């Protein structure tokens, strides 16, 4: 498992021990859940574990612009 700092424009990818992968936008994620215990990001089975988390940064406007000629 891990932890990473993200911004509103980033996305998060979670992977489980059985190969389940979930990708979602940070700005669509709730911050506080019921009774302030956090927010469930992924449902896993009893024999499953989250084995990875990765930030997918939004491409900057400079990287996606067409080159000027």
PDB file of N, CA and C in Angstrom:
ATOM      1  N   UNK A   1       0.847  -1.160   0.000  1.00  0.00           N
ATOM      2  CA  UNK A   1       0.000   0.000   0.000  1.00  0.00           C
ATOM      3  C   UNK A   1       0.897   1.228   0.000  1.00  0.00           C
ATOM      4  N   UNK A   2       0.333   2.395  -0.176  1.00  0.00           N
ATOM      5  CA  UNK A   2       1.144   3.590  -0.229  1.00  0.00           C
ATOM      6  C   UNK A   2       0.328   4.837   0.013  1.00  0.00           C
ATOM      7  N   UNK A   3       1.010   5.931  -0.148  1.00  0.00           N
ATOM      8  CA  UNK A   3       0.398   7.240   0.018  1.00  0.00           C
ATOM      9  C   UNK A   3       1.044   8.169  -1.004  1.00  0.00           C
ATOM     10  N   UNK A   4       0.263   9.088  -1.548  1.00  0.00           N
ATOM     11  CA  UNK A   4       0.841  10.039  -2.477  1.00  0.00           C
ATOM     12  C   UNK A   4       0.056  11.344  -2.435  1.00  0.00           C
ATOM     13  N   UNK A   5       0.756  12.424  -2.666  1.00  0.00           N
ATOM     14  CA  UNK A   5       0.142  13.743  -2.696  1.00  0.00           C
ATOM     15  C   UNK A   5      -0.408  13.993  -4.092  1.00  0.00           C
ATOM     16  N   UNK A   6      -1.637  14.478  -4.171  1.00  0.00           N
ATOM     17  CA  UNK A   6      -2.289  14.688  -5.455  1.00  0.00           C
ATOM     18  C   UNK A   6      -2.912  16.075  -5.511  1.00  0.00           C
ATOM     19  N   UNK A   7      -3.183  16.520  -6.739  1.00  0.00           N
ATOM     20  CA  UNK A   7      -3.905  17.762  -6.964  1.00  0.00           C
ATOM     21  C   UNK A   7      -5.248  17.459  -7.600  1.00  0.00           C
ATOM     22  N   UNK A   8      -6.093  18.471  -7.705  1.00  0.00           N
ATOM     23  CA  UNK A   8      -7.435  18.271  -8.256  1.00  0.00           C
ATOM     24  C   UNK A   8      -7.427  17.769  -9.688  1.00  0.00           C
ATOM     25  N   UNK A   9      -6.392  18.071 -10.459  1.00  0.00           N
ATOM     26  CA  UNK A   9      -6.337  17.663 -11.863  1.00  0.00           C
ATOM     27  C   UNK A   9      -5.736  16.274 -12.068  1.00  0.00           C
ATOM     28  N   UNK A  10      -5.290  15.630 -10.992  1.00  0.00           N
ATOM     29  CA  UNK A  10      -4.660  14.319 -11.101  1.00  0.00           C
ATOM     30  C   UNK A  10      -5.700  13.204 -11.078  1.00  0.00           C
ATOM     31  N   UNK A  11      -5.245  12.005 -11.407  1.00  0.00           N
ATOM     32  CA  UNK A  11      -6.055  10.796 -11.294  1.00  0.00           C
ATOM     33  C   UNK A  11      -5.284   9.795 -10.445  1.00  0.00           C
ATOM     34  N   UNK A  12      -6.004   8.851  -9.855  1.00  0.00           N
ATOM     35  CA  UNK A  12      -5.403   7.824  -9.000  1.00  0.00           C
ATOM     36  C   UNK A  12      -5.727   6.455  -9.599  1.00  0.00           C
ATOM     37  N   UNK A  13      -4.748   5.563  -9.566  1.00  0.00           N
ATOM     38  CA  UNK A  13      -4.949   4.177  -9.987  1.00  0.00           C
ATOM     39  C   UNK A  13      -4.649   3.285  -8.785  1.00  0.00           C
ATOM     40  N   UNK A  14      -5.603   2.408  -8.444  1.00  0.00           N
ATOM     41  CA  UNK A  14      -5.423   1.431  -7.378  1.00  0.00           C
ATOM     42  C   UNK A  14      -5.400   0.043  -7.994  1.00  0.00           C
ATOM     43  N   UNK A  15      -4.542  -0.857  -7.477  1.00  0.00           N
ATOM     44  CA  UNK A  15      -4.463  -2.231  -7.973  1.00  0.00           C
ATOM     45  C   UNK A  15      -4.516  -3.188  -6.797  1.00  0.00           C
ATOM     46  N   UNK A  16      -5.265  -4.270  -6.977  1.00  0.00           N
ATOM     47  CA  UNK A  16      -5.384  -5.266  -5.915  1.00  0.00           C
ATOM     48  C   UNK A  16      -4.521  -6.490  -6.217  1.00  0.00           C
ATOM     49  N   UNK A  17      -4.419  -7.353  -5.217  1.00  0.00           N
ATOM     50  CA  UNK A  17      -3.609  -8.570  -5.346  1.00  0.00           C
ATOM     51  C   UNK A  17      -4.185  -9.546  -6.362  1.00  0.00           C
ATOM     52  N   UNK A  18      -5.446  -9.402  -6.721  1.00  0.00           N
ATOM     53  CA  UNK A  18      -6.053 -10.288  -7.719  1.00  0.00           C
ATOM     54  C   UNK A  18      -6.078  -9.667  -9.111  1.00  0.00           C
ATOM     55  N   UNK A  19      -5.478  -8.490  -9.250  1.00  0.00           N
ATOM     56  CA  UNK A  19      -5.388  -7.861 -10.560  1.00  0.00           C
ATOM     57  C   UNK A  19      -6.485  -6.858 -10.871  1.00  0.00           C
ATOM     58  N   UNK A  20      -7.355  -6.587  -9.928  1.00  0.00           N
ATOM     59  CA  UNK A  20      -8.404  -5.593 -10.131  1.00  0.00           C
ATOM     60  C   UNK A  20      -7.758  -4.205 -10.153  1.00  0.00           C
ATOM     61  N   UNK A  21      -8.102  -3.385 -11.154  1.00  0.00           N
ATOM     62  CA  UNK A  21      -7.543  -2.044 -11.283  1.00  0.00           C
ATOM     63  C   UNK A  21      -8.688  -1.038 -11.366  1.00  0.00           C
ATOM     64  N   UNK A  22      -8.586   0.021 -10.567  1.00  0.00           N
ATOM     65  CA  UNK A  22      -9.589   1.077 -10.555  1.00  0.00           C
ATOM     66  C   UNK A  22      -8.874   2.410 -10.751  1.00  0.00           C
ATOM     67  N   UNK A  23      -9.394   3.205 -11.688  1.00  0.00           N
ATOM     68  CA  UNK A  23      -8.810   4.520 -11.962  1.00  0.00           C
ATOM     69  C   UNK A  23      -9.911   5.561 -11.805  1.00  0.00           C
ATOM     70  N   UNK A  24      -9.631   6.649 -11.106  1.00  0.00           N
ATOM     71  CA  UNK A  24     -10.636   7.680 -10.924  1.00  0.00           C
ATOM     72  C   UNK A  24      -9.990   9.048 -10.792  1.00  0.00           C
ATOM     73  N   UNK A  25     -10.773  10.083 -11.052  1.00  0.00           N
ATOM     74  CA  UNK A  25     -10.304  11.465 -10.958  1.00  0.00           C
ATOM     75  C   UNK A  25     -10.376  11.927  -9.510  1.00  0.00           C
ATOM     76  N   UNK A  26      -9.336  12.617  -9.067  1.00  0.00           N
ATOM     77  CA  UNK A  26      -9.275  13.086  -7.699  1.00  0.00           C
ATOM     78  C   UNK A  26     -10.397  14.083  -7.416  1.00  0.00           C
ATOM     79  N   UNK A  27     -10.689  14.965  -8.377  1.00  0.00           N
ATOM     80  CA  UNK A  27     -11.695  16.000  -8.127  1.00  0.00           C
ATOM     81  C   UNK A  27     -13.112  15.434  -8.051  1.00  0.00           C
ATOM     82  N   UNK A  28     -13.329  14.166  -8.395  1.00  0.00           N
ATOM     83  CA  UNK A  28     -14.636  13.526  -8.271  1.00  0.00           C
ATOM     84  C   UNK A  28     -14.754  12.693  -6.996  1.00  0.00           C
ATOM     85  N   UNK A  29     -13.670  12.634  -6.230  1.00  0.00           N
ATOM     86  CA  UNK A  29     -13.633  11.835  -5.018  1.00  0.00           C
ATOM     87  C   UNK A  29     -14.128  12.671  -3.840  1.00  0.00           C
ATOM     88  N   UNK A  30     -15.008  12.087  -3.011  1.00  0.00           N
ATOM     89  CA  UNK A  30     -15.460  12.768  -1.810  1.00  0.00           C
ATOM     90  C   UNK A  30     -14.345  12.838  -0.789  1.00  0.00           C
ATOM     91  N   UNK A  31     -14.418  13.808   0.085  1.00  0.00           N
ATOM     92  CA  UNK A  31     -13.361  13.977   1.084  1.00  0.00           C
ATOM     93  C   UNK A  31     -13.757  13.364   2.416  1.00  0.00           C
ATOM     94  N   UNK A  32     -15.027  13.487   2.780  1.00  0.00           N
ATOM     95  CA  UNK A  32     -15.478  12.992   4.083  1.00  0.00           C
ATOM     96  C   UNK A  32     -16.638  12.039   3.871  1.00  0.00           C
ATOM     97  N   UNK A  33     -16.547  10.891   4.477  1.00  0.00           N
ATOM     98  CA  UNK A  33     -17.628   9.912   4.403  1.00  0.00           C
ATOM     99  C   UNK A  33     -18.486   9.946   5.654  1.00  0.00           C
ATOM    100  N   UNK A  34     -19.287   8.932   5.790  1.00  0.00           N
ATOM    101  CA  UNK A  34     -20.187   8.827   6.934  1.00  0.00           C
ATOM    102  C   UNK A  34     -19.407   8.799   8.239  1.00  0.00           C
ATOM    103  N   UNK A  35     -19.822   9.591   9.185  1.00  0.00           N
ATOM    104  CA  UNK A  35     -19.194   9.669  10.517  1.00  0.00           C
ATOM    105  C   UNK A  35     -17.708  10.006  10.432  1.00  0.00           C
ATOM    106  N   UNK A  36     -17.313  10.728   9.429  1.00  0.00           N
ATOM    107  CA  UNK A  36     -15.937  11.189   9.200  1.00  0.00           C
ATOM    108  C   UNK A  36     -14.906  10.071   9.305  1.00  0.00           C
ATOM    109  N   UNK A  37     -15.250   8.873   8.848  1.00  0.00           N
ATOM    110  CA  UNK A  37     -14.319   7.747   8.868  1.00  0.00           C
ATOM    111  C   UNK A  37     -13.586   7.588   7.550  1.00  0.00           C
ATOM    112  N   UNK A  38     -13.747   8.553   6.659  1.00  0.00           N
ATOM    113  CA  UNK A  38     -13.085   8.454   5.371  1.00  0.00           C
ATOM    114  C   UNK A  38     -14.044   8.037   4.281  1.00  0.00           C
ATOM    115  N   UNK A  39     -13.502   7.807   3.107  1.00  0.00           N
ATOM    116  CA  UNK A  39     -14.295   7.472   1.939  1.00  0.00           C
ATOM    117  C   UNK A  39     -13.787   6.161   1.358  1.00  0.00           C
ATOM    118  N   UNK A  40     -14.682   5.243   1.041  1.00  0.00           N
ATOM    119  CA  UNK A  40     -14.294   3.972   0.427  1.00  0.00           C
ATOM    120  C   UNK A  40     -13.998   4.217  -1.049  1.00  0.00           C
ATOM    121  N   UNK A  41     -12.809   3.856  -1.477  1.00  0.00           N
ATOM    122  CA  UNK A  41     -12.390   4.054  -2.862  1.00  0.00           C
ATOM    123  C   UNK A  41     -12.564   2.805  -3.705  1.00  0.00           C
ATOM    124  N   UNK A  42     -12.488   1.627  -3.079  1.00  0.00           N
ATOM    125  CA  UNK A  42     -12.568   0.377  -3.815  1.00  0.00           C
ATOM    126  C   UNK A  42     -13.127  -0.701  -2.890  1.00  0.00           C
ATOM    127  N   UNK A  43     -13.982  -1.546  -3.438  1.00  0.00           N
ATOM    128  CA  UNK A  43     -14.487  -2.705  -2.689  1.00  0.00           C
ATOM    129  C   UNK A  43     -13.606  -3.905  -3.008  1.00  0.00           C
ATOM    130  N   UNK A  44     -13.147  -4.574  -1.967  1.00  0.00           N
ATOM    131  CA  UNK A  44     -12.304  -5.746  -2.172  1.00  0.00           C
ATOM    132  C   UNK A  44     -12.881  -6.935  -1.415  1.00  0.00           C
ATOM    133  N   UNK A  45     -12.547  -8.135  -1.874  1.00  0.00           N
ATOM    134  CA  UNK A  45     -12.977  -9.364  -1.223  1.00  0.00           C
ATOM    135  C   UNK A  45     -12.120  -9.619   0.014  1.00  0.00           C
ATOM    136  N   UNK A  46     -12.553 -10.569   0.855  1.00  0.00           N
ATOM    137  CA  UNK A  46     -11.831 -10.881   2.096  1.00  0.00           C
ATOM    138  C   UNK A  46     -10.399 -11.338   1.840  1.00  0.00           C
ATOM    139  N   UNK A  47     -10.170 -12.061   0.736  1.00  0.00           N
ATOM    140  CA  UNK A  47      -8.841 -12.591   0.443  1.00  0.00           C
ATOM    141  C   UNK A  47      -8.012 -11.652  -0.432  1.00  0.00           C
ATOM    142  N   UNK A  48      -8.490 -10.447  -0.661  1.00  0.00           N
ATOM    143  CA  UNK A  48      -7.830  -9.478  -1.546  1.00  0.00           C
ATOM    144  C   UNK A  48      -7.178  -8.372  -0.727  1.00  0.00           C
ATOM    145  N   UNK A  49      -6.126  -7.777  -1.280  1.00  0.00           N
ATOM    146  CA  UNK A  49      -5.445  -6.637  -0.652  1.00  0.00           C
ATOM    147  C   UNK A  49      -5.132  -5.602  -1.717  1.00  0.00           C
ATOM    148  N   UNK A  50      -5.110  -4.346  -1.329  1.00  0.00           N
ATOM    149  CA  UNK A  50      -4.633  -3.298  -2.231  1.00  0.00           C
ATOM    150  C   UNK A  50      -3.110  -3.373  -2.202  1.00  0.00           C
ATOM    151  N   UNK A  51      -2.502  -3.555  -3.374  1.00  0.00           N
ATOM    152  CA  UNK A  51      -1.047  -3.730  -3.438  1.00  0.00           C
ATOM    153  C   UNK A  51      -0.338  -2.559  -4.100  1.00  0.00           C
ATOM    154  N   UNK A  52      -1.101  -1.640  -4.693  1.00  0.00           N
ATOM    155  CA  UNK A  52      -0.445  -0.523  -5.348  1.00  0.00           C
ATOM    156  C   UNK A  52      -1.363   0.673  -5.510  1.00  0.00           C
ATOM    157  N   UNK A  53      -0.748   1.832  -5.452  1.00  0.00           N
ATOM    158  CA  UNK A  53      -1.438   3.087  -5.710  1.00  0.00           C
ATOM    159  C   UNK A  53      -0.484   3.976  -6.493  1.00  0.00           C
ATOM    160  N   UNK A  54      -1.009   4.656  -7.492  1.00  0.00           N
ATOM    161  CA  UNK A  54      -0.152   5.500  -8.320  1.00  0.00           C
ATOM    162  C   UNK A  54      -0.922   6.733  -8.753  1.00  0.00           C
ATOM    163  N   UNK A  55      -0.237   7.852  -8.753  1.00  0.00           N
ATOM    164  CA  UNK A  55      -0.812   9.100  -9.243  1.00  0.00           C
ATOM    165  C   UNK A  55      -0.572   9.200 -10.739  1.00  0.00           C
ATOM    166  N   UNK A  56      -1.624   9.604 -11.469  1.00  0.00           N
ATOM    167  CA  UNK A  56      -1.505   9.858 -12.899  1.00  0.00           C
ATOM    168  C   UNK A  56      -1.706  11.354 -13.067  1.00  0.00           C
ATOM    169  N   UNK A  57      -0.629  12.062 -13.339  1.00  0.00           N
ATOM    170  CA  UNK A  57      -0.696  13.518 -13.432  1.00  0.00           C
ATOM    171  C   UNK A  57      -1.326  13.947 -14.749  1.00  0.00           C
ATOM    172  N   UNK A  58      -2.077  15.041 -14.702  1.00  0.00           N
ATOM    173  CA  UNK A  58      -2.669  15.609 -15.904  1.00  0.00           C
ATOM    174  C   UNK A  58      -1.556  16.187 -16.756  1.00  0.00           C
ATOM    175  N   UNK A  59      -1.666  15.988 -18.061  1.00  0.00           N
ATOM    176  CA  UNK A  59      -0.668  16.550 -18.964  1.00  0.00           C
ATOM    177  C   UNK A  59      -0.813  18.053 -18.964  1.00  0.00           C
ATOM    178  N   UNK A  60       0.312  18.759 -18.910  1.00  0.00           N
ATOM    179  CA  UNK A  60       0.249  20.222 -18.939  1.00  0.00           C
ATOM    180  C   UNK A  60      -0.119  20.691 -20.341  1.00  0.00           C
ATOM    181  N   UNK A  61      -0.642  21.903 -20.427  1.00  0.00           N
ATOM    182  CA  UNK A  61      -1.040  22.459 -21.715  1.00  0.00           C
ATOM    183  C   UNK A  61       0.140  22.547 -22.677  1.00  0.00           C
ATOM    184  N   UNK A  62       1.329  22.775 -22.154  1.00  0.00           N
ATOM    185  CA  UNK A  62       2.515  22.884 -23.007  1.00  0.00           C
ATOM    186  C   UNK A  62       2.822  21.563 -23.697  1.00  0.00           C
ATOM    187  N   UNK A  63       2.588  20.447 -23.008  1.00  0.00           N
ATOM    188  CA  UNK A  63       2.898  19.133 -23.576  1.00  0.00           C
ATOM    189  C   UNK A  63       1.896  18.714 -24.637  1.00  0.00           C
ATOM    190  N   UNK A  64       0.670  19.224 -24.561  1.00  0.00           N
ATOM    191  CA  UNK A  64      -0.359  18.788 -25.497  1.00  0.00           C
ATOM    192  C   UNK A  64      -0.557  19.735 -26.670  1.00  0.00           C
ATOM    193  N   UNK A  65       0.074  20.887 -26.653  1.00  0.00           N
ATOM    194  CA  UNK A  65      -0.070  21.829 -27.748  1.00  0.00           C
ATOM    195  C   UNK A  65       0.686  21.355 -28.982  1.00  0.00           C
ATOM    196  N   UNK A  66       0.187  21.716 -30.141  1.00  0.00           N
ATOM    197  CA  UNK A  66       0.862  21.426 -31.389  1.00  0.00           C
ATOM    198  C   UNK A  66       2.102  22.326 -31.500  1.00  0.00           C
ATOM    199  N   UNK A  67       3.202  21.827 -32.053  1.00  0.00           N
ATOM    200  CA  UNK A  67       4.396  22.657 -32.212  1.00  0.00           C
ATOM    201  C   UNK A  67       4.133  23.782 -33.202  1.00  0.00           C
ATOM    202  N   UNK A  68       4.668  24.960 -32.877  1.00  0.00           N
ATOM    203  CA  UNK A  68       4.529  26.113 -33.755  1.00  0.00           C
ATOM    204  C   UNK A  68       5.594  26.065 -34.839  1.00  0.00           C
ATOM    205  N   UNK A  69       5.184  26.225 -36.079  1.00  0.00           N
ATOM    206  CA  UNK A  69       6.162  26.197 -37.181  1.00  0.00           C
ATOM    207  C   UNK A  69       6.119  27.480 -37.961  1.00  0.00           C
TER     208      UNK A  69
END
